Amino acid sequence: MLQAQIYIDKDEVFGSLPLYEYILRFLIRHRVAGATAFRGQIGFGVHHQLKRPDSIFSFDEPPMLIIFIDEEHRVREVLKALRKEISSGLIVVNQVEKF
C-alpha cells in the first residue's frame, strides 16, 4: 500500500472551491479508499520562517495536509491525474503496511 501526503496552503483556491476541498472531491470521484485533511498549527518552509496562522494578527498562510492511502497502482494513477489539473503543492509518497 502507498500513502500520499499533499501539502498546500489552506487559502489556495481552485475555481470557486478551496483547493483542499477540491482535492478531496477529486479523490472521491476517483474512488480512493479514504482521505483526511489536516490544518497545520505551526510550521516552516524553505525560508525557515515560522508560520503561526493561529497567532493574533498573523497573516501567514495556514498550511494544509491531505493524506490518502490506497493500493500502490491506484495512488500513482490518482496522483498522475491530479497533477494534470493542479500544479501547486508538494506531494510525498511512502510505502505503508496494512495491519
N, C-alpha and C. Protein backbone atom coordinates (compact mmCIF):
# COMPACT_ATOMS: atom_id res chain seq x y z
N MET A 1 0.85 -1.18 0.00
CA MET A 1 0.00 0.00 0.00
C MET A 1 0.89 1.24 0.00
N LEU A 2 0.32 2.32 -0.51
CA LEU A 2 1.05 3.57 -0.62
C LEU A 2 0.26 4.68 0.05
N GLN A 3 0.99 5.56 0.72
CA GLN A 3 0.38 6.74 1.35
C GLN A 3 0.90 7.97 0.61
N ALA A 4 -0.03 8.84 0.23
CA ALA A 4 0.35 10.11 -0.39
C ALA A 4 0.01 11.24 0.57
N GLN A 5 0.94 12.16 0.73
CA GLN A 5 0.73 13.36 1.55
C GLN A 5 0.84 14.56 0.62
N ILE A 6 -0.17 15.39 0.64
CA ILE A 6 -0.20 16.57 -0.22
C ILE A 6 -0.19 17.81 0.68
N TYR A 7 0.85 18.63 0.56
CA TYR A 7 0.99 19.85 1.35
C TYR A 7 0.61 21.04 0.48
N ILE A 8 -0.33 21.84 0.97
CA ILE A 8 -0.79 23.04 0.25
C ILE A 8 -1.05 24.15 1.26
N ASP A 9 -1.28 25.36 0.78
CA ASP A 9 -1.72 26.46 1.63
C ASP A 9 -3.24 26.40 1.75
N LYS A 10 -3.76 26.59 2.96
CA LYS A 10 -5.19 26.50 3.20
C LYS A 10 -5.97 27.51 2.37
N ASP A 11 -5.39 28.66 2.11
CA ASP A 11 -6.11 29.73 1.44
C ASP A 11 -6.09 29.63 -0.09
N GLU A 12 -5.41 28.63 -0.65
CA GLU A 12 -5.43 28.47 -2.11
C GLU A 12 -6.81 28.03 -2.57
N VAL A 13 -7.18 28.47 -3.76
CA VAL A 13 -8.49 28.09 -4.32
C VAL A 13 -8.29 27.46 -5.69
N PHE A 14 -9.29 26.67 -6.08
CA PHE A 14 -9.34 26.08 -7.41
C PHE A 14 -10.76 26.32 -7.91
N GLY A 15 -10.90 27.22 -8.87
CA GLY A 15 -12.24 27.62 -9.28
C GLY A 15 -12.91 28.35 -8.12
N SER A 16 -14.09 27.87 -7.72
CA SER A 16 -14.81 28.51 -6.62
C SER A 16 -14.64 27.78 -5.30
N LEU A 17 -13.83 26.71 -5.28
CA LEU A 17 -13.66 25.91 -4.06
C LEU A 17 -12.29 26.12 -3.44
N PRO A 18 -12.19 26.00 -2.11
CA PRO A 18 -10.86 25.92 -1.52
C PRO A 18 -10.13 24.72 -2.14
N LEU A 19 -8.84 24.86 -2.38
CA LEU A 19 -8.08 23.80 -3.04
C LEU A 19 -8.17 22.48 -2.29
N TYR A 20 -8.11 22.52 -0.94
CA TYR A 20 -8.18 21.27 -0.18
C TYR A 20 -9.51 20.57 -0.39
N GLU A 21 -10.61 21.32 -0.51
CA GLU A 21 -11.91 20.71 -0.76
C GLU A 21 -11.97 20.14 -2.18
N TYR A 22 -11.42 20.89 -3.13
CA TYR A 22 -11.39 20.39 -4.50
C TYR A 22 -10.63 19.05 -4.56
N ILE A 23 -9.48 18.99 -3.89
CA ILE A 23 -8.69 17.76 -3.90
C ILE A 23 -9.46 16.61 -3.26
N LEU A 24 -10.12 16.86 -2.15
CA LEU A 24 -10.91 15.79 -1.51
C LEU A 24 -12.04 15.31 -2.43
N ARG A 25 -12.71 16.24 -3.08
CA ARG A 25 -13.77 15.85 -4.03
C ARG A 25 -13.18 15.07 -5.22
N PHE A 26 -12.00 15.47 -5.66
CA PHE A 26 -11.30 14.77 -6.73
C PHE A 26 -11.01 13.33 -6.30
N LEU A 27 -10.54 13.16 -5.08
CA LEU A 27 -10.23 11.82 -4.56
C LEU A 27 -11.49 10.96 -4.45
N ILE A 28 -12.60 11.57 -4.06
CA ILE A 28 -13.88 10.84 -4.01
C ILE A 28 -14.27 10.38 -5.42
N ARG A 29 -14.19 11.31 -6.39
CA ARG A 29 -14.55 10.97 -7.78
C ARG A 29 -13.69 9.83 -8.32
N HIS A 30 -12.43 9.78 -7.86
CA HIS A 30 -11.52 8.74 -8.32
C HIS A 30 -11.54 7.50 -7.41
N ARG A 31 -12.53 7.46 -6.54
CA ARG A 31 -12.81 6.29 -5.71
C ARG A 31 -11.63 5.82 -4.86
N VAL A 32 -10.88 6.80 -4.32
CA VAL A 32 -9.80 6.48 -3.40
C VAL A 32 -10.43 5.91 -2.12
N ALA A 33 -9.73 4.98 -1.50
CA ALA A 33 -10.26 4.28 -0.32
C ALA A 33 -10.63 5.24 0.81
N GLY A 34 -9.85 6.29 1.02
CA GLY A 34 -10.15 7.26 2.07
C GLY A 34 -9.10 8.34 2.12
N ALA A 35 -9.46 9.49 2.67
CA ALA A 35 -8.54 10.62 2.76
C ALA A 35 -8.92 11.49 3.95
N THR A 36 -7.93 12.20 4.47
CA THR A 36 -8.16 13.12 5.59
C THR A 36 -7.38 14.40 5.33
N ALA A 37 -7.97 15.54 5.68
CA ALA A 37 -7.30 16.84 5.57
C ALA A 37 -7.03 17.37 6.98
N PHE A 38 -5.84 17.88 7.18
CA PHE A 38 -5.43 18.44 8.47
C PHE A 38 -4.97 19.87 8.26
N ARG A 39 -5.28 20.74 9.20
CA ARG A 39 -4.81 22.13 9.18
C ARG A 39 -3.64 22.25 10.13
N GLY A 40 -2.54 22.81 9.64
CA GLY A 40 -1.34 22.94 10.46
C GLY A 40 -1.47 24.02 11.52
N GLN A 41 -0.87 23.78 12.66
CA GLN A 41 -0.87 24.75 13.76
C GLN A 41 0.34 25.68 13.70
N ILE A 42 1.48 25.12 13.32
CA ILE A 42 2.71 25.90 13.20
C ILE A 42 3.66 25.12 12.30
N GLY A 43 4.50 25.82 11.58
CA GLY A 43 5.44 25.14 10.71
C GLY A 43 6.35 26.13 10.03
N PHE A 44 7.23 25.61 9.18
CA PHE A 44 8.09 26.48 8.38
C PHE A 44 8.39 25.79 7.07
N GLY A 45 8.81 26.58 6.11
CA GLY A 45 9.11 26.06 4.79
C GLY A 45 10.54 26.36 4.39
N VAL A 46 10.75 26.48 3.12
CA VAL A 46 12.08 26.64 2.55
C VAL A 46 12.81 27.88 3.10
N HIS A 47 12.08 28.91 3.50
CA HIS A 47 12.70 30.14 4.00
C HIS A 47 12.97 30.11 5.50
N HIS A 48 12.61 29.03 6.16
CA HIS A 48 12.86 28.81 7.58
C HIS A 48 12.26 29.89 8.48
N GLN A 49 11.12 30.43 8.06
CA GLN A 49 10.39 31.40 8.87
C GLN A 49 9.21 30.68 9.50
N LEU A 50 9.09 30.72 10.83
CA LEU A 50 7.97 30.07 11.48
C LEU A 50 6.66 30.73 11.08
N LYS A 51 5.68 29.90 10.79
CA LYS A 51 4.34 30.39 10.44
C LYS A 51 3.40 29.93 11.53
N ARG A 52 2.73 30.90 12.14
CA ARG A 52 1.76 30.61 13.20
C ARG A 52 0.41 31.18 12.78
N PRO A 53 -0.33 30.47 11.97
CA PRO A 53 -1.58 31.04 11.46
C PRO A 53 -2.63 31.32 12.53
N ASP A 54 -2.50 30.73 13.70
CA ASP A 54 -3.48 30.99 14.75
C ASP A 54 -3.07 32.12 15.69
N SER A 55 -1.89 32.70 15.50
CA SER A 55 -1.46 33.81 16.34
C SER A 55 -2.29 35.06 16.06
N ILE A 56 -2.44 35.87 17.07
CA ILE A 56 -3.14 37.14 16.88
C ILE A 56 -2.37 37.98 15.87
N PHE A 57 -3.06 38.60 14.95
CA PHE A 57 -2.50 39.47 13.92
C PHE A 57 -1.57 38.73 12.95
N SER A 58 -1.70 37.42 12.81
CA SER A 58 -0.87 36.68 11.87
C SER A 58 -1.50 36.72 10.49
N PHE A 59 -0.67 36.96 9.49
CA PHE A 59 -1.13 36.94 8.11
C PHE A 59 -0.50 35.78 7.34
N ASP A 60 0.08 34.83 8.08
CA ASP A 60 0.71 33.67 7.45
C ASP A 60 -0.33 32.77 6.81
N GLU A 61 0.06 32.14 5.70
CA GLU A 61 -0.82 31.19 5.03
C GLU A 61 -0.86 29.92 5.87
N PRO A 62 -2.05 29.52 6.31
CA PRO A 62 -2.13 28.29 7.08
C PRO A 62 -1.83 27.07 6.19
N PRO A 63 -0.93 26.20 6.63
CA PRO A 63 -0.65 25.01 5.83
C PRO A 63 -1.76 23.96 6.00
N MET A 64 -1.97 23.19 4.94
CA MET A 64 -2.91 22.07 4.98
C MET A 64 -2.15 20.82 4.54
N LEU A 65 -2.57 19.70 5.11
CA LEU A 65 -2.01 18.41 4.72
C LEU A 65 -3.17 17.48 4.41
N ILE A 66 -3.16 16.91 3.23
CA ILE A 66 -4.16 15.92 2.84
C ILE A 66 -3.43 14.59 2.71
N ILE A 67 -3.94 13.58 3.40
CA ILE A 67 -3.32 12.25 3.36
C ILE A 67 -4.32 11.26 2.81
N PHE A 68 -3.86 10.41 1.89
CA PHE A 68 -4.70 9.29 1.47
C PHE A 68 -3.85 8.06 1.24
N ILE A 69 -4.47 6.91 1.44
CA ILE A 69 -3.80 5.61 1.32
C ILE A 69 -4.66 4.70 0.45
N ASP A 70 -4.01 3.97 -0.44
CA ASP A 70 -4.70 3.00 -1.27
C ASP A 70 -3.64 2.05 -1.83
N GLU A 71 -4.07 1.16 -2.69
CA GLU A 71 -3.13 0.26 -3.36
C GLU A 71 -2.16 1.11 -4.19
N GLU A 72 -0.94 0.63 -4.33
CA GLU A 72 0.10 1.42 -4.98
C GLU A 72 -0.30 1.90 -6.38
N HIS A 73 -0.84 1.02 -7.20
CA HIS A 73 -1.20 1.42 -8.56
C HIS A 73 -2.30 2.48 -8.56
N ARG A 74 -3.22 2.41 -7.60
CA ARG A 74 -4.31 3.39 -7.51
C ARG A 74 -3.75 4.76 -7.12
N VAL A 75 -2.87 4.79 -6.12
CA VAL A 75 -2.29 6.06 -5.67
C VAL A 75 -1.53 6.72 -6.83
N ARG A 76 -0.74 5.95 -7.53
CA ARG A 76 0.04 6.51 -8.65
C ARG A 76 -0.87 7.01 -9.78
N GLU A 77 -1.93 6.28 -10.08
CA GLU A 77 -2.91 6.71 -11.09
C GLU A 77 -3.56 8.04 -10.71
N VAL A 78 -4.01 8.09 -9.47
CA VAL A 78 -4.72 9.28 -8.99
C VAL A 78 -3.79 10.49 -8.96
N LEU A 79 -2.57 10.30 -8.49
CA LEU A 79 -1.63 11.42 -8.45
C LEU A 79 -1.30 11.92 -9.85
N LYS A 80 -1.17 11.01 -10.79
CA LYS A 80 -0.91 11.42 -12.18
C LYS A 80 -2.07 12.26 -12.72
N ALA A 81 -3.30 11.82 -12.45
CA ALA A 81 -4.48 12.57 -12.89
C ALA A 81 -4.58 13.92 -12.18
N LEU A 82 -4.28 13.94 -10.89
CA LEU A 82 -4.36 15.17 -10.11
C LEU A 82 -3.34 16.20 -10.61
N ARG A 83 -2.13 15.75 -10.93
CA ARG A 83 -1.09 16.66 -11.42
C ARG A 83 -1.45 17.28 -12.77
N LYS A 84 -2.34 16.66 -13.52
CA LYS A 84 -2.79 17.25 -14.78
C LYS A 84 -3.68 18.46 -14.53
N GLU A 85 -4.29 18.53 -13.34
CA GLU A 85 -5.20 19.62 -13.01
C GLU A 85 -4.59 20.65 -12.07
N ILE A 86 -3.70 20.22 -11.20
CA ILE A 86 -3.15 21.09 -10.16
C ILE A 86 -1.63 21.06 -10.20
N SER A 87 -1.02 22.24 -10.22
CA SER A 87 0.44 22.29 -10.29
C SER A 87 1.09 22.76 -8.99
N SER A 88 0.30 23.23 -8.04
CA SER A 88 0.89 23.73 -6.79
C SER A 88 0.92 22.61 -5.76
N GLY A 89 1.61 22.88 -4.67
CA GLY A 89 1.68 21.91 -3.59
C GLY A 89 2.89 21.01 -3.70
N LEU A 90 3.09 20.26 -2.64
CA LEU A 90 4.20 19.30 -2.56
C LEU A 90 3.59 17.95 -2.22
N ILE A 91 4.00 16.92 -2.94
CA ILE A 91 3.47 15.58 -2.71
C ILE A 91 4.60 14.67 -2.25
N VAL A 92 4.35 13.96 -1.16
CA VAL A 92 5.29 12.98 -0.62
C VAL A 92 4.59 11.63 -0.64
N VAL A 93 5.29 10.59 -1.08
CA VAL A 93 4.70 9.25 -1.17
C VAL A 93 5.56 8.29 -0.34
N ASN A 94 4.88 7.46 0.48
CA ASN A 94 5.57 6.49 1.34
C ASN A 94 4.90 5.13 1.26
N GLN A 95 5.70 4.08 1.34
CA GLN A 95 5.16 2.73 1.48
C GLN A 95 4.60 2.59 2.89
N VAL A 96 3.45 1.95 3.03
CA VAL A 96 2.86 1.68 4.34
C VAL A 96 2.37 0.24 4.37
N GLU A 97 2.17 -0.26 5.56
CA GLU A 97 1.65 -1.61 5.75
C GLU A 97 0.28 -1.54 6.35
N LYS A 98 -0.60 -2.41 5.90
CA LYS A 98 -1.94 -2.51 6.45
C LYS A 98 -1.95 -3.63 7.47
N PHE A 99 -2.41 -3.33 8.67
CA PHE A 99 -2.49 -4.37 9.71
C PHE A 99 -3.86 -4.96 9.76
